[in-house]
All heavy atoms as atom14 arrays in JSON, in Angstrom:
{
  "sequence": "FLEDYTSPDLFRNSITLLKRYLKSPYERGVLPRGSASDHKSYWEQG",
  "atom14_mask": [
    [1, 1, 1, 1, 1, 1, 1, 1, 1, 1, 1, 0, 0, 0],
    [1, 1, 1, 1, 1, 1, 1, 1, 0, 0, 0, 0, 0, 0],
    [1, 1, 1, 1, 1, 1, 1, 1, 1, 0, 0, 0, 0, 0],
    [1, 1, 1, 1, 1, 1, 1, 1, 0, 0, 0, 0, 0, 0],
    [1, 1, 1, 1, 1, 1, 1, 1, 1, 1, 1, 1, 0, 0],
    [1, 1, 1, 1, 1, 1, 1, 0, 0, 0, 0, 0, 0, 0],
    [1, 1, 1, 1, 1, 1, 0, 0, 0, 0, 0, 0, 0, 0],
    [1, 1, 1, 1, 1, 1, 1, 0, 0, 0, 0, 0, 0, 0],
    [1, 1, 1, 1, 1, 1, 1, 1, 0, 0, 0, 0, 0, 0],
    [1, 1, 1, 1, 1, 1, 1, 1, 0, 0, 0, 0, 0, 0],
    [1, 1, 1, 1, 1, 1, 1, 1, 1, 1, 1, 0, 0, 0],
    [1, 1, 1, 1, 1, 1, 1, 1, 1, 1, 1, 0, 0, 0],
    [1, 1, 1, 1, 1, 1, 1, 1, 0, 0, 0, 0, 0, 0],
    [1, 1, 1, 1, 1, 1, 0, 0, 0, 0, 0, 0, 0, 0],
    [1, 1, 1, 1, 1, 1, 1, 1, 0, 0, 0, 0, 0, 0],
    [1, 1, 1, 1, 1, 1, 1, 0, 0, 0, 0, 0, 0, 0],
    [1, 1, 1, 1, 1, 1, 1, 1, 0, 0, 0, 0, 0, 0],
    [1, 1, 1, 1, 1, 1, 1, 1, 0, 0, 0, 0, 0, 0],
    [1, 1, 1, 1, 1, 1, 1, 1, 1, 0, 0, 0, 0, 0],
    [1, 1, 1, 1, 1, 1, 1, 1, 1, 1, 1, 0, 0, 0],
    [1, 1, 1, 1, 1, 1, 1, 1, 1, 1, 1, 1, 0, 0],
    [1, 1, 1, 1, 1, 1, 1, 1, 0, 0, 0, 0, 0, 0],
    [1, 1, 1, 1, 1, 1, 1, 1, 1, 0, 0, 0, 0, 0],
    [1, 1, 1, 1, 1, 1, 0, 0, 0, 0, 0, 0, 0, 0],
    [1, 1, 1, 1, 1, 1, 1, 0, 0, 0, 0, 0, 0, 0],
    [1, 1, 1, 1, 1, 1, 1, 1, 1, 1, 1, 1, 0, 0],
    [1, 1, 1, 1, 1, 1, 1, 1, 1, 0, 0, 0, 0, 0],
    [1, 1, 1, 1, 1, 1, 1, 1, 1, 1, 1, 0, 0, 0],
    [1, 1, 1, 1, 0, 0, 0, 0, 0, 0, 0, 0, 0, 0],
    [1, 1, 1, 1, 1, 1, 1, 0, 0, 0, 0, 0, 0, 0],
    [1, 1, 1, 1, 1, 1, 1, 1, 0, 0, 0, 0, 0, 0],
    [1, 1, 1, 1, 1, 1, 1, 0, 0, 0, 0, 0, 0, 0],
    [1, 1, 1, 1, 1, 1, 1, 1, 1, 1, 1, 0, 0, 0],
    [1, 1, 1, 1, 0, 0, 0, 0, 0, 0, 0, 0, 0, 0],
    [1, 1, 1, 1, 1, 1, 0, 0, 0, 0, 0, 0, 0, 0],
    [1, 1, 1, 1, 1, 0, 0, 0, 0, 0, 0, 0, 0, 0],
    [1, 1, 1, 1, 1, 1, 0, 0, 0, 0, 0, 0, 0, 0],
    [1, 1, 1, 1, 1, 1, 1, 1, 0, 0, 0, 0, 0, 0],
    [1, 1, 1, 1, 1, 1, 1, 1, 1, 1, 0, 0, 0, 0],
    [1, 1, 1, 1, 1, 1, 1, 1, 1, 0, 0, 0, 0, 0],
    [1, 1, 1, 1, 1, 1, 0, 0, 0, 0, 0, 0, 0, 0],
    [1, 1, 1, 1, 1, 1, 1, 1, 1, 1, 1, 1, 0, 0],
    [1, 1, 1, 1, 1, 1, 1, 1, 1, 1, 1, 1, 1, 1],
    [1, 1, 1, 1, 1, 1, 1, 1, 1, 0, 0, 0, 0, 0],
    [1, 1, 1, 1, 1, 1, 1, 1, 1, 0, 0, 0, 0, 0],
    [1, 1, 1, 1, 0, 0, 0, 0, 0, 0, 0, 0, 0, 0]
  ],
  "atom14_positions": [
    [[115.81, 91.46, 100.57], [114.75, 92.28, 101.15], [115.16, 93.73, 101.02], [116.15, 94.17, 101.6], [114.53, 91.91, 102.62], [113.9, 90.57, 102.83], [114.68, 89.47, 103.13], [112.53, 90.4, 102.7], [114.1, 88.22, 103.32], [111.94, 89.16, 102.87], [112.73, 88.07, 103.18], [0.0, 0.0, 0.0], [0.0, 0.0, 0.0], [0.0, 0.0, 0.0]],
    [[114.37, 94.47, 100.25], [114.73, 95.86, 99.97], [114.16, 96.79, 101.04], [113.02, 96.63, 101.47], [114.24, 96.26, 98.59], [114.76, 95.39, 97.43], [114.5, 96.09, 96.1], [116.25, 95.08, 97.57], [0.0, 0.0, 0.0], [0.0, 0.0, 0.0], [0.0, 0.0, 0.0], [0.0, 0.0, 0.0], [0.0, 0.0, 0.0], [0.0, 0.0, 0.0]],
    [[114.96, 97.74, 101.44], [114.6, 98.65, 102.52], [113.75, 99.82, 102.05], [113.16, 100.52, 102.87], [115.87, 99.15, 103.2], [116.71, 98.03, 103.83], [118.02, 98.52, 104.39], [118.31, 99.72, 104.23], [118.75, 97.71, 105.0], [0.0, 0.0, 0.0], [0.0, 0.0, 0.0], [0.0, 0.0, 0.0], [0.0, 0.0, 0.0], [0.0, 0.0, 0.0]],
    [[113.68, 100.03, 100.74], [112.96, 101.19, 100.22], [111.45, 101.05, 100.45], [110.83, 100.09, 100.02], [113.2, 101.33, 98.7], [114.67, 101.21, 98.34], [115.17, 100.07, 98.28], [115.3, 102.25, 98.13], [0.0, 0.0, 0.0], [0.0, 0.0, 0.0], [0.0, 0.0, 0.0], [0.0, 0.0, 0.0], [0.0, 0.0, 0.0], [0.0, 0.0, 0.0]],
    [[110.88, 102.04, 101.12], [109.43, 102.12, 101.33], [108.88, 100.85, 101.98], [107.8, 100.37, 101.63], [108.72, 102.39, 100.0], [109.36, 103.48, 99.18], [110.0, 103.19, 97.97], [109.35, 104.81, 99.62], [110.61, 104.18, 97.23], [109.97, 105.81, 98.88], [110.6, 105.49, 97.68], [111.21, 106.47, 96.94], [0.0, 0.0, 0.0], [0.0, 0.0, 0.0]],
    [[109.6, 100.31, 102.93], [109.14, 99.11, 103.63], [109.11, 99.36, 105.14], [109.71, 100.31, 105.64], [110.03, 97.9, 103.32], [111.4, 98.2, 103.64], [109.94, 97.52, 101.86], [0.0, 0.0, 0.0], [0.0, 0.0, 0.0], [0.0, 0.0, 0.0], [0.0, 0.0, 0.0], [0.0, 0.0, 0.0], [0.0, 0.0, 0.0], [0.0, 0.0, 0.0]],
    [[108.4, 98.49, 105.85], [108.14, 98.68, 107.27], [109.09, 97.83, 108.12], [109.24, 96.64, 107.85], [106.7, 98.28, 107.59], [105.8, 98.95, 106.72], [0.0, 0.0, 0.0], [0.0, 0.0, 0.0], [0.0, 0.0, 0.0], [0.0, 0.0, 0.0], [0.0, 0.0, 0.0], [0.0, 0.0, 0.0], [0.0, 0.0, 0.0], [0.0, 0.0, 0.0]],
    [[109.72, 98.41, 109.13], [110.68, 97.66, 109.96], [110.1, 96.38, 110.56], [110.76, 95.35, 110.61], [111.06, 98.68, 111.04], [110.85, 100.01, 110.4], [109.66, 99.84, 109.52], [0.0, 0.0, 0.0], [0.0, 0.0, 0.0], [0.0, 0.0, 0.0], [0.0, 0.0, 0.0], [0.0, 0.0, 0.0], [0.0, 0.0, 0.0], [0.0, 0.0, 0.0]],
    [[108.85, 96.43, 111.04], [108.26, 95.24, 111.67], [108.1, 94.1, 110.67], [108.45, 92.96, 110.96], [106.9, 95.58, 112.29], [107.04, 96.41, 113.56], [108.17, 96.5, 114.08], [106.02, 96.96, 114.02], [0.0, 0.0, 0.0], [0.0, 0.0, 0.0], [0.0, 0.0, 0.0], [0.0, 0.0, 0.0], [0.0, 0.0, 0.0], [0.0, 0.0, 0.0]],
    [[107.55, 94.4, 109.49], [107.4, 93.36, 108.48], [108.75, 92.89, 107.97], [108.91, 91.73, 107.61], [106.55, 93.87, 107.31], [105.05, 94.06, 107.56], [104.32, 94.31, 106.24], [104.45, 92.88, 108.28], [0.0, 0.0, 0.0], [0.0, 0.0, 0.0], [0.0, 0.0, 0.0], [0.0, 0.0, 0.0], [0.0, 0.0, 0.0], [0.0, 0.0, 0.0]],
    [[109.71, 93.8, 107.93], [111.07, 93.45, 107.52], [111.63, 92.37, 108.45], [112.11, 91.32, 108.01], [111.95, 94.7, 107.55], [113.1, 94.69, 106.61], [113.06, 95.36, 105.4], [114.26, 94.0, 106.93], [114.13, 95.36, 104.53], [115.35, 93.99, 106.07], [115.28, 94.66, 104.87], [0.0, 0.0, 0.0], [0.0, 0.0, 0.0], [0.0, 0.0, 0.0]],
    [[111.54, 92.63, 109.75], [112.05, 91.67, 110.73], [111.27, 90.37, 110.7], [111.85, 89.27, 110.73], [111.98, 92.28, 112.14], [113.01, 93.37, 112.4], [113.05, 93.72, 113.87], [111.8, 94.3, 114.32], [111.52, 95.6, 114.29], [112.43, 96.46, 113.84], [110.36, 96.06, 114.71], [0.0, 0.0, 0.0], [0.0, 0.0, 0.0], [0.0, 0.0, 0.0]],
    [[109.94, 90.46, 110.63], [109.11, 89.26, 110.63], [109.38, 88.39, 109.42], [109.44, 87.16, 109.52], [107.63, 89.64, 110.67], [107.21, 90.22, 112.01], [107.93, 90.11, 112.99], [106.05, 90.83, 112.05], [0.0, 0.0, 0.0], [0.0, 0.0, 0.0], [0.0, 0.0, 0.0], [0.0, 0.0, 0.0], [0.0, 0.0, 0.0], [0.0, 0.0, 0.0]],
    [[109.53, 89.01, 108.26], [109.75, 88.25, 107.03], [111.1, 87.54, 107.05], [111.22, 86.39, 106.61], [109.66, 89.17, 105.81], [108.37, 89.73, 105.69], [0.0, 0.0, 0.0], [0.0, 0.0, 0.0], [0.0, 0.0, 0.0], [0.0, 0.0, 0.0], [0.0, 0.0, 0.0], [0.0, 0.0, 0.0], [0.0, 0.0, 0.0], [0.0, 0.0, 0.0]],
    [[112.12, 88.2, 107.57], [113.43, 87.57, 107.69], [113.37, 86.41, 108.68], [113.96, 85.33, 108.46], [114.49, 88.6, 108.1], [114.77, 89.56, 106.92], [115.79, 87.91, 108.54], [115.74, 90.67, 107.25], [0.0, 0.0, 0.0], [0.0, 0.0, 0.0], [0.0, 0.0, 0.0], [0.0, 0.0, 0.0], [0.0, 0.0, 0.0], [0.0, 0.0, 0.0]],
    [[112.63, 86.58, 109.77], [112.47, 85.51, 110.75], [111.79, 84.3, 110.12], [112.22, 83.15, 110.33], [111.65, 86.0, 111.95], [112.35, 87.06, 112.6], [111.4, 84.87, 112.94], [0.0, 0.0, 0.0], [0.0, 0.0, 0.0], [0.0, 0.0, 0.0], [0.0, 0.0, 0.0], [0.0, 0.0, 0.0], [0.0, 0.0, 0.0], [0.0, 0.0, 0.0]],
    [[110.73, 84.52, 109.35], [110.04, 83.42, 108.67], [110.97, 82.71, 107.7], [110.98, 81.47, 107.62], [108.82, 83.96, 107.92], [107.66, 84.47, 108.78], [106.6, 85.14, 107.91], [107.03, 83.34, 109.59], [0.0, 0.0, 0.0], [0.0, 0.0, 0.0], [0.0, 0.0, 0.0], [0.0, 0.0, 0.0], [0.0, 0.0, 0.0], [0.0, 0.0, 0.0]],
    [[111.74, 83.49, 106.96], [112.67, 82.91, 105.99], [113.72, 82.04, 106.68], [113.99, 80.91, 106.25], [113.35, 84.02, 105.2], [114.17, 83.59, 103.99], [113.26, 83.27, 102.81], [115.16, 84.67, 103.59], [0.0, 0.0, 0.0], [0.0, 0.0, 0.0], [0.0, 0.0, 0.0], [0.0, 0.0, 0.0], [0.0, 0.0, 0.0], [0.0, 0.0, 0.0]],
    [[114.28, 82.53, 107.75], [115.33, 81.81, 108.47], [114.77, 80.56, 109.17], [115.41, 79.51, 109.19], [116.0, 82.73, 109.48], [116.82, 83.84, 108.85], [117.22, 84.9, 109.86], [118.14, 84.39, 110.93], [118.57, 85.47, 111.83], [0.0, 0.0, 0.0], [0.0, 0.0, 0.0], [0.0, 0.0, 0.0], [0.0, 0.0, 0.0], [0.0, 0.0, 0.0]],
    [[113.59, 80.7, 109.74], [113.05, 79.6, 110.54], [112.53, 78.45, 109.69], [112.74, 77.28, 110.02], [111.93, 80.13, 111.43], [111.27, 79.09, 112.32], [110.3, 79.72, 113.27], [110.94, 80.66, 114.17], [110.3, 81.49, 114.98], [108.97, 81.49, 114.99], [110.95, 82.32, 115.77], [0.0, 0.0, 0.0], [0.0, 0.0, 0.0], [0.0, 0.0, 0.0]],
    [[111.85, 78.77, 108.59], [111.16, 77.74, 107.83], [111.83, 77.38, 106.5], [111.77, 76.24, 106.06], [109.7, 78.15, 107.59], [108.91, 78.29, 108.86], [108.6, 79.55, 109.37], [108.48, 77.17, 109.56], [107.88, 79.69, 110.55], [107.75, 77.3, 110.74], [107.46, 78.56, 111.23], [106.75, 78.69, 112.39], [0.0, 0.0, 0.0], [0.0, 0.0, 0.0]],
    [[112.42, 78.35, 105.84], [113.02, 78.08, 104.53], [114.52, 77.85, 104.63], [115.11, 77.2, 103.76], [112.74, 79.23, 103.57], [111.26, 79.55, 103.31], [111.13, 80.64, 102.25], [110.5, 78.31, 102.9], [0.0, 0.0, 0.0], [0.0, 0.0, 0.0], [0.0, 0.0, 0.0], [0.0, 0.0, 0.0], [0.0, 0.0, 0.0], [0.0, 0.0, 0.0]],
    [[115.12, 78.45, 105.65], [116.56, 78.3, 105.85], [117.35, 78.61, 104.57], [118.31, 77.93, 104.23], [116.89, 76.89, 106.35], [116.29, 76.58, 107.72], [116.61, 75.17, 108.19], [116.16, 74.95, 109.62], [114.72, 75.19, 109.84], [0.0, 0.0, 0.0], [0.0, 0.0, 0.0], [0.0, 0.0, 0.0], [0.0, 0.0, 0.0], [0.0, 0.0, 0.0]],
    [[116.91, 79.63, 103.89], [117.56, 80.01, 102.64], [118.35, 81.3, 102.83], [118.07, 82.09, 103.75], [116.51, 80.21, 101.54], [115.62, 81.25, 101.87], [0.0, 0.0, 0.0], [0.0, 0.0, 0.0], [0.0, 0.0, 0.0], [0.0, 0.0, 0.0], [0.0, 0.0, 0.0], [0.0, 0.0, 0.0], [0.0, 0.0, 0.0], [0.0, 0.0, 0.0]],
    [[119.34, 81.54, 101.99], [120.15, 82.75, 102.12], [119.35, 84.0, 101.77], [118.43, 83.96, 100.95], [121.29, 82.52, 101.12], [120.73, 81.58, 100.12], [119.79, 80.7, 100.87], [0.0, 0.0, 0.0], [0.0, 0.0, 0.0], [0.0, 0.0, 0.0], [0.0, 0.0, 0.0], [0.0, 0.0, 0.0], [0.0, 0.0, 0.0], [0.0, 0.0, 0.0]],
    [[119.72, 85.09, 102.39], [119.06, 86.37, 102.1], [120.06, 87.49, 102.34], [121.1, 87.31, 102.98], [117.84, 86.57, 102.99], [118.18, 86.87, 104.43], [118.31, 88.18, 104.88], [118.42, 85.84, 105.33], [118.66, 88.45, 106.19], [118.76, 86.1, 106.64], [118.88, 87.42, 107.07], [119.23, 87.68, 108.37], [0.0, 0.0, 0.0], [0.0, 0.0, 0.0]],
    [[119.72, 88.65, 101.8], [120.48, 89.87, 102.06], [119.53, 91.04, 102.11], [118.4, 90.98, 101.59], [121.53, 90.12, 100.96], [122.76, 89.24, 101.04], [123.84, 89.66, 100.04], [123.86, 90.88, 99.7], [124.61, 88.8, 99.61], [0.0, 0.0, 0.0], [0.0, 0.0, 0.0], [0.0, 0.0, 0.0], [0.0, 0.0, 0.0], [0.0, 0.0, 0.0]],
    [[119.99, 92.1, 102.72], [119.29, 93.38, 102.64], [119.77, 94.13, 101.41], [120.88, 93.89, 100.93], [119.55, 94.23, 103.89], [119.02, 93.63, 105.18], [119.52, 94.39, 106.39], [118.97, 93.89, 107.62], [117.96, 94.44, 108.27], [117.39, 95.54, 107.79], [117.51, 93.92, 109.39], [0.0, 0.0, 0.0], [0.0, 0.0, 0.0], [0.0, 0.0, 0.0]],
    [[118.95, 95.02, 100.9], [119.36, 95.78, 99.73], [118.52, 97.02, 99.56], [117.55, 97.25, 100.28], [0.0, 0.0, 0.0], [0.0, 0.0, 0.0], [0.0, 0.0, 0.0], [0.0, 0.0, 0.0], [0.0, 0.0, 0.0], [0.0, 0.0, 0.0], [0.0, 0.0, 0.0], [0.0, 0.0, 0.0], [0.0, 0.0, 0.0], [0.0, 0.0, 0.0]],
    [[118.89, 97.83, 98.59], [118.14, 99.04, 98.24], [118.05, 99.13, 96.73], [118.92, 98.64, 96.0], [118.8, 100.31, 98.81], [118.77, 100.31, 100.32], [120.23, 100.45, 98.31], [0.0, 0.0, 0.0], [0.0, 0.0, 0.0], [0.0, 0.0, 0.0], [0.0, 0.0, 0.0], [0.0, 0.0, 0.0], [0.0, 0.0, 0.0], [0.0, 0.0, 0.0]],
    [[117.01, 99.77, 96.27], [116.84, 100.01, 94.84], [117.68, 101.2, 94.39], [118.02, 102.07, 95.2], [115.37, 100.28, 94.53], [114.44, 99.07, 94.46], [112.99, 99.53, 94.4], [114.76, 98.2, 93.25], [0.0, 0.0, 0.0], [0.0, 0.0, 0.0], [0.0, 0.0, 0.0], [0.0, 0.0, 0.0], [0.0, 0.0, 0.0], [0.0, 0.0, 0.0]],
    [[118.0, 101.26, 93.11], [118.65, 102.46, 92.59], [117.79, 103.69, 92.85], [116.57, 103.59, 92.9], [118.78, 102.17, 91.09], [118.72, 100.68, 90.98], [117.82, 100.22, 92.08], [0.0, 0.0, 0.0], [0.0, 0.0, 0.0], [0.0, 0.0, 0.0], [0.0, 0.0, 0.0], [0.0, 0.0, 0.0], [0.0, 0.0, 0.0], [0.0, 0.0, 0.0]],
    [[118.43, 104.81, 93.02], [117.72, 106.05, 93.32], [116.62, 106.32, 92.28], [116.84, 106.22, 91.09], [118.68, 107.24, 93.34], [118.02, 108.58, 93.69], [119.05, 109.7, 93.69], [120.04, 109.52, 94.75], [119.86, 109.95, 96.0], [118.75, 110.57, 96.33], [120.81, 109.76, 96.9], [0.0, 0.0, 0.0], [0.0, 0.0, 0.0], [0.0, 0.0, 0.0]],
    [[115.45, 106.65, 92.77], [114.33, 106.96, 91.9], [113.46, 105.77, 91.53], [112.39, 105.95, 90.96], [0.0, 0.0, 0.0], [0.0, 0.0, 0.0], [0.0, 0.0, 0.0], [0.0, 0.0, 0.0], [0.0, 0.0, 0.0], [0.0, 0.0, 0.0], [0.0, 0.0, 0.0], [0.0, 0.0, 0.0], [0.0, 0.0, 0.0], [0.0, 0.0, 0.0]],
    [[113.9, 104.56, 91.86], [113.12, 103.37, 91.52], [112.12, 103.06, 92.64], [112.33, 103.41, 93.8], [114.04, 102.17, 91.32], [114.95, 102.4, 90.29], [0.0, 0.0, 0.0], [0.0, 0.0, 0.0], [0.0, 0.0, 0.0], [0.0, 0.0, 0.0], [0.0, 0.0, 0.0], [0.0, 0.0, 0.0], [0.0, 0.0, 0.0], [0.0, 0.0, 0.0]],
    [[111.05, 102.37, 92.26], [110.06, 101.94, 93.24], [109.17, 100.89, 92.59], [109.22, 100.68, 91.37], [109.21, 103.11, 93.72], [0.0, 0.0, 0.0], [0.0, 0.0, 0.0], [0.0, 0.0, 0.0], [0.0, 0.0, 0.0], [0.0, 0.0, 0.0], [0.0, 0.0, 0.0], [0.0, 0.0, 0.0], [0.0, 0.0, 0.0], [0.0, 0.0, 0.0]],
    [[108.38, 100.23, 93.41], [107.37, 99.32, 92.9], [106.06, 99.6, 93.64], [105.98, 100.53, 94.44], [107.8, 97.86, 93.06], [106.95, 97.0, 92.32], [0.0, 0.0, 0.0], [0.0, 0.0, 0.0], [0.0, 0.0, 0.0], [0.0, 0.0, 0.0], [0.0, 0.0, 0.0], [0.0, 0.0, 0.0], [0.0, 0.0, 0.0], [0.0, 0.0, 0.0]],
    [[105.05, 98.78, 93.39], [103.7, 99.11, 93.85], [103.55, 99.14, 95.37], [102.58, 99.74, 95.86], [102.7, 98.12, 93.25], [102.57, 98.28, 91.75], [102.08, 99.34, 91.31], [102.96, 97.36, 91.01], [0.0, 0.0, 0.0], [0.0, 0.0, 0.0], [0.0, 0.0, 0.0], [0.0, 0.0, 0.0], [0.0, 0.0, 0.0], [0.0, 0.0, 0.0]],
    [[104.46, 98.51, 96.1], [104.35, 98.6, 97.56], [104.46, 100.04, 98.04], [103.91, 100.4, 99.09], [105.42, 97.74, 98.23], [106.82, 98.22, 97.98], [107.42, 98.17, 96.74], [107.73, 98.78, 98.82], [108.64, 98.67, 96.83], [108.86, 99.05, 98.07], [0.0, 0.0, 0.0], [0.0, 0.0, 0.0], [0.0, 0.0, 0.0], [0.0, 0.0, 0.0]],
    [[105.14, 100.89, 97.27], [105.27, 102.29, 97.65], [103.9, 102.97, 97.76], [103.7, 103.84, 98.61], [106.14, 103.04, 96.63], [106.37, 104.52, 97.0], [107.19, 105.25, 95.95], [107.37, 106.71, 96.33], [108.09, 107.48, 95.29], [0.0, 0.0, 0.0], [0.0, 0.0, 0.0], [0.0, 0.0, 0.0], [0.0, 0.0, 0.0], [0.0, 0.0, 0.0]],
    [[102.97, 102.55, 96.93], [101.63, 103.14, 96.97], [100.97, 102.9, 98.31], [100.28, 103.78, 98.86], [100.77, 102.54, 95.85], [101.33, 102.81, 94.58], [0.0, 0.0, 0.0], [0.0, 0.0, 0.0], [0.0, 0.0, 0.0], [0.0, 0.0, 0.0], [0.0, 0.0, 0.0], [0.0, 0.0, 0.0], [0.0, 0.0, 0.0], [0.0, 0.0, 0.0]],
    [[101.17, 101.71, 98.88], [100.6, 101.4, 100.19], [101.39, 102.08, 101.3], [100.83, 102.57, 102.28], [100.58, 99.88, 100.39], [99.41, 99.22, 99.7], [99.49, 98.86, 98.35], [98.22, 98.97, 100.37], [98.42, 98.27, 97.7], [97.14, 98.38, 99.73], [97.25, 98.03, 98.4], [96.17, 97.46, 97.76], [0.0, 0.0, 0.0], [0.0, 0.0, 0.0]],
    [[102.71, 102.12, 101.15], [103.56, 102.79, 102.12], [103.2, 104.27, 102.23], [103.18, 104.84, 103.33], [105.02, 102.62, 101.7], [106.03, 103.18, 102.64], [106.56, 102.59, 103.75], [106.65, 104.47, 102.54], [107.48, 103.42, 104.35], [107.56, 104.58, 103.62], [106.54, 105.52, 101.63], [108.33, 105.71, 103.81], [107.31, 106.65, 101.83], [108.19, 106.74, 102.91]],
    [[102.9, 104.91, 101.11], [102.51, 106.32, 101.11], [101.22, 106.55, 101.9], [101.01, 107.65, 102.44], [102.31, 106.81, 99.67], [103.58, 106.94, 98.87], [103.33, 107.25, 97.41], [102.22, 106.95, 96.9], [104.23, 107.82, 96.77], [0.0, 0.0, 0.0], [0.0, 0.0, 0.0], [0.0, 0.0, 0.0], [0.0, 0.0, 0.0], [0.0, 0.0, 0.0]],
    [[100.38, 105.54, 101.97], [99.12, 105.67, 102.71], [99.24, 105.22, 104.16], [98.25, 105.17, 104.88], [98.03, 104.84, 102.01], [97.72, 105.27, 100.59], [97.23, 106.7, 100.5], [96.57, 107.2, 101.43], [97.53, 107.38, 99.4], [0.0, 0.0, 0.0], [0.0, 0.0, 0.0], [0.0, 0.0, 0.0], [0.0, 0.0, 0.0], [0.0, 0.0, 0.0]],
    [[100.48, 104.92, 104.58], [100.71, 104.55, 105.97], [100.49, 103.08, 106.29], [100.45, 102.69, 107.46], [0.0, 0.0, 0.0], [0.0, 0.0, 0.0], [0.0, 0.0, 0.0], [0.0, 0.0, 0.0], [0.0, 0.0, 0.0], [0.0, 0.0, 0.0], [0.0, 0.0, 0.0], [0.0, 0.0, 0.0], [0.0, 0.0, 0.0], [0.0, 0.0, 0.0]]
  ]
}
């Protein structure tokens, strides 16, 4: 789960869903400087 241009509430909720139902491994991470994907477009709009 990448922290770049993401929302804390959805971050927590998504990790909770993963742990509760999928029970699969996960980690937090960040993209290399200057990188982004289309979620940034929505993040920019709040």
